[in-house]
N, C-alpha and C. Protein backbone atom coordinates (compact mmCIF):
# COMPACT_ATOMS: atom_id res chain seq x y z
N UNK A 1 -76.93 -42.46 53.45
CA UNK A 1 -76.68 -41.44 53.35
C UNK A 1 -76.00 -41.04 51.87
N UNK A 2 -76.20 -39.62 51.67
CA UNK A 2 -75.88 -39.48 50.37
C UNK A 2 -74.53 -38.28 50.66
N UNK A 3 -73.78 -38.34 49.78
CA UNK A 3 -72.48 -37.66 49.82
C UNK A 3 -71.84 -37.17 48.43
N UNK A 4 -71.03 -36.04 48.18
CA UNK A 4 -70.63 -35.79 46.84
C UNK A 4 -69.37 -36.72 46.57
N UNK A 5 -69.22 -37.39 45.26
CA UNK A 5 -68.25 -37.97 44.98
C UNK A 5 -67.32 -37.10 44.14
N UNK A 6 -66.12 -36.56 44.44
CA UNK A 6 -65.27 -35.94 43.64
C UNK A 6 -64.73 -36.20 42.55
N UNK A 7 -64.51 -37.77 42.22
CA UNK A 7 -64.35 -38.42 41.04
C UNK A 7 -65.49 -38.16 40.03
N UNK A 8 -66.60 -38.45 40.27
CA UNK A 8 -67.89 -38.53 39.33
C UNK A 8 -68.35 -37.30 39.07
N UNK A 9 -68.44 -36.13 40.08
CA UNK A 9 -68.82 -35.17 40.16
C UNK A 9 -70.40 -34.83 40.40
N UNK A 10 -70.97 -35.60 41.03
CA UNK A 10 -72.15 -35.90 41.75
C UNK A 10 -72.44 -36.39 42.81
N UNK A 11 -73.95 -36.22 43.55
CA UNK A 11 -74.22 -36.52 44.97
C UNK A 11 -74.44 -38.03 44.60
N UNK A 12 -74.13 -39.06 45.47
CA UNK A 12 -74.54 -40.32 45.34
C UNK A 12 -74.84 -40.94 46.58
N UNK A 13 -75.26 -41.97 46.97
CA UNK A 13 -75.76 -42.66 48.13
C UNK A 13 -74.42 -43.52 48.27
N UNK A 14 -74.09 -43.08 49.77
CA UNK A 14 -72.62 -43.76 50.22
C UNK A 14 -72.59 -45.42 50.52
N UNK A 15 -71.59 -46.03 50.03
CA UNK A 15 -71.71 -47.30 50.50
C UNK A 15 -70.69 -47.82 51.64
N UNK A 16 -71.07 -48.74 52.27
CA UNK A 16 -70.38 -48.69 53.67
C UNK A 16 -70.23 -47.42 54.51
N UNK A 17 -71.24 -46.77 54.81
CA UNK A 17 -70.77 -45.62 55.73
C UNK A 17 -70.49 -46.07 57.20
N UNK A 18 -69.67 -45.22 57.67
CA UNK A 18 -69.18 -45.28 59.34
C UNK A 18 -68.88 -43.95 59.80
N UNK A 19 -69.24 -44.15 61.06
CA UNK A 19 -69.24 -42.69 61.81
C UNK A 19 -67.77 -42.45 62.47
N UNK A 20 -66.94 -41.33 61.92
CA UNK A 20 -65.74 -41.20 62.30
C UNK A 20 -65.72 -39.79 63.38
N UNK A 21 -64.62 -39.64 63.73
CA UNK A 21 -64.43 -38.12 64.54
C UNK A 21 -63.30 -37.32 64.12
N UNK A 22 -63.42 -36.17 63.76
CA UNK A 22 -62.25 -35.74 62.84
C UNK A 22 -61.43 -35.34 64.21
N UNK A 23 -60.29 -34.81 63.68
CA UNK A 23 -59.15 -34.10 64.57
C UNK A 23 -59.92 -33.13 65.61
N UNK A 24 -60.38 -32.47 65.16
CA UNK A 24 -61.02 -31.18 65.75
C UNK A 24 -62.22 -31.56 66.73
N UNK A 25 -62.59 -33.02 66.86
CA UNK A 25 -63.58 -33.43 67.56
C UNK A 25 -65.15 -33.31 67.12
N UNK A 26 -65.09 -32.92 65.94
CA UNK A 26 -66.35 -32.90 64.89
C UNK A 26 -66.79 -33.75 64.35
N UNK A 27 -68.18 -34.56 64.56
CA UNK A 27 -68.62 -35.90 63.72
C UNK A 27 -68.33 -35.75 62.30
N UNK A 28 -68.28 -36.75 61.55
CA UNK A 28 -68.20 -37.02 60.28
C UNK A 28 -68.42 -38.29 59.67
N UNK A 29 -69.23 -38.46 58.37
CA UNK A 29 -69.24 -39.82 57.90
C UNK A 29 -68.28 -40.38 56.98
N UNK A 30 -67.55 -41.43 56.71
CA UNK A 30 -66.67 -41.83 55.44
C UNK A 30 -67.23 -42.78 55.05
N UNK A 31 -67.34 -42.96 53.70
CA UNK A 31 -67.58 -44.13 53.05
C UNK A 31 -67.16 -44.52 51.68
N UNK A 32 -67.67 -45.28 50.85
CA UNK A 32 -67.05 -45.37 49.54
C UNK A 32 -68.07 -45.14 48.26
N UNK A 33 -67.70 -44.48 47.11
CA UNK A 33 -68.64 -44.24 46.24
C UNK A 33 -68.96 -45.47 45.17
N UNK A 34 -70.29 -46.18 45.36
CA UNK A 34 -70.97 -47.37 44.68
C UNK A 34 -70.27 -47.57 43.17
N UNK A 35 -70.13 -46.51 42.54
CA UNK A 35 -69.85 -46.31 40.99
C UNK A 35 -68.33 -46.42 41.03
N UNK A 36 -67.51 -46.05 41.64
CA UNK A 36 -65.80 -45.82 41.13
C UNK A 36 -65.32 -46.39 42.23
N UNK A 37 -65.65 -46.43 43.51
CA UNK A 37 -64.82 -46.81 44.50
C UNK A 37 -64.10 -45.78 45.04
N UNK A 38 -64.46 -44.37 44.70
CA UNK A 38 -63.21 -43.46 45.60
C UNK A 38 -64.02 -43.03 47.14
N UNK A 39 -63.36 -42.61 48.22
CA UNK A 39 -63.56 -42.65 49.30
C UNK A 39 -64.61 -41.39 49.04
N UNK A 40 -65.34 -41.15 49.99
CA UNK A 40 -66.55 -40.11 50.18
C UNK A 40 -66.18 -39.85 51.63
N UNK A 41 -66.52 -38.67 52.17
CA UNK A 41 -66.73 -38.13 53.01
C UNK A 41 -67.66 -36.59 53.32
N UNK A 42 -68.50 -36.88 54.40
CA UNK A 42 -69.41 -35.86 54.98
C UNK A 42 -69.38 -35.66 56.14
N UNK A 43 -68.98 -33.82 56.38
CA UNK A 43 -69.20 -33.48 57.44
C UNK A 43 -70.47 -33.37 58.11
N UNK A 44 -70.44 -33.31 59.71
CA UNK A 44 -71.76 -33.37 60.06
C UNK A 44 -72.12 -34.69 60.84
N UNK A 45 -73.32 -34.51 61.76
CA UNK A 45 -73.82 -35.49 62.22
C UNK A 45 -74.54 -36.28 60.98
N UNK A 46 -74.57 -37.86 61.39
CA UNK A 46 -74.98 -38.80 60.50
C UNK A 46 -76.09 -39.54 60.92
């Protein structure tokens, strides 16, 4: 799954993606940027 990395300022393929649920109950995906190691987050179904 791809997501936007705020540090690299580019869309990258997420490393170690895992499904999470936000406080409001909506689904999201959280992972790590393969280049810089920054947390990446994408809202919506995965």
